[in-house]
Amino acid sequence: MPIIVNLDVMMAKRKMSLNELSEKVGLTLSNLSILKTGKAKAIRFSTLEAICEVLNCQPGDILEFINEKI
């Protein structure tokens, strides 16, 4: 998949656990885990906004596009 989720990288930079992020964002551990492992098919802007707010980052810090056609 050409969209890479770098949530684990940002969490490590902020020294934040999945449990802590889950509590601060208001999402279940299972939903965050699906997103973190790159298995999510979509993400709501409101979820992305909440994650960026808690991690003090930009959407581009979490989501990355890799062009596989090159």
Protein backbone atom coordinates (compact mmCIF):
# COMPACT_ATOMS: atom_id res chain seq x y z
CA MET A 1 0.00 0.00 0.00
CA PRO A 2 1.46 3.36 -0.97
CA ILE A 3 0.23 5.17 2.19
CA ILE A 4 2.50 4.50 5.16
CA VAL A 5 1.33 5.24 8.72
CA ASN A 6 4.16 6.48 10.93
CA LEU A 7 2.11 6.73 14.12
CA ASP A 8 4.53 4.49 16.01
CA VAL A 9 7.43 6.76 15.04
CA MET A 10 5.67 9.87 16.34
CA MET A 11 4.63 8.08 19.52
CA ALA A 12 8.24 7.04 20.12
CA LYS A 13 9.48 10.60 19.53
CA ARG A 14 6.96 11.87 22.10
CA LYS A 15 7.66 8.93 24.45
CA MET A 16 3.95 8.12 24.54
CA SER A 17 2.44 4.66 24.90
CA LEU A 18 -0.55 3.39 22.95
CA ASN A 19 -2.54 3.34 26.19
CA GLU A 20 -1.74 6.98 26.93
CA LEU A 21 -2.55 8.09 23.39
CA SER A 22 -5.79 6.12 23.49
CA GLU A 23 -6.90 7.90 26.67
CA LYS A 24 -5.95 11.37 25.42
CA VAL A 25 -7.49 10.95 21.95
CA GLY A 26 -10.58 9.08 23.11
CA LEU A 27 -10.19 6.06 20.81
CA THR A 28 -10.15 2.41 21.74
CA LEU A 29 -6.84 0.58 21.91
CA SER A 30 -7.95 -1.76 19.14
CA ASN A 31 -8.79 1.10 16.75
CA LEU A 32 -5.47 2.83 17.43
CA SER A 33 -3.63 -0.45 17.04
CA ILE A 34 -5.23 -1.02 13.63
CA LEU A 35 -4.14 2.46 12.59
CA LYS A 36 -0.65 2.05 14.04
CA THR A 37 -0.02 -1.23 12.23
CA GLY A 38 -1.16 0.21 8.89
CA LYS A 39 -4.17 -2.10 8.60
CA ALA A 40 -6.72 0.74 8.58
CA LYS A 41 -8.54 1.40 5.32
CA ALA A 42 -9.44 4.98 6.25
CA ILE A 43 -9.08 7.62 8.94
CA ARG A 44 -11.51 10.37 9.84
CA PHE A 45 -10.20 13.92 9.75
CA SER A 46 -11.48 14.40 13.30
CA THR A 47 -9.39 11.41 14.44
CA LEU A 48 -6.33 12.66 12.59
CA GLU A 49 -6.85 16.12 14.08
CA ALA A 50 -7.08 14.71 17.62
CA ILE A 51 -3.95 12.60 17.17
CA CYS A 52 -2.01 15.56 15.76
CA GLU A 53 -3.16 17.75 18.62
CA VAL A 54 -2.08 15.24 21.29
CA LEU A 55 1.24 14.43 19.59
CA ASN A 56 1.85 18.08 18.64
CA CYS A 57 2.58 17.20 15.01
CA GLN A 58 1.30 17.66 11.47
CA PRO A 59 -0.71 15.08 9.44
CA GLY A 60 2.34 14.66 7.19
CA ASP A 61 4.33 13.47 10.20
CA ILE A 62 1.91 10.56 10.57
CA LEU A 63 0.93 9.77 6.97
CA GLU A 64 3.42 9.29 4.15
CA PHE A 65 2.84 8.55 0.45
CA ILE A 66 5.24 6.14 -1.27
CA ASN A 67 4.94 6.03 -5.04
CA GLU A 68 5.29 2.36 -5.97
CA LYS A 69 5.26 3.08 -9.69
CA ILE A 70 8.75 4.57 -9.71
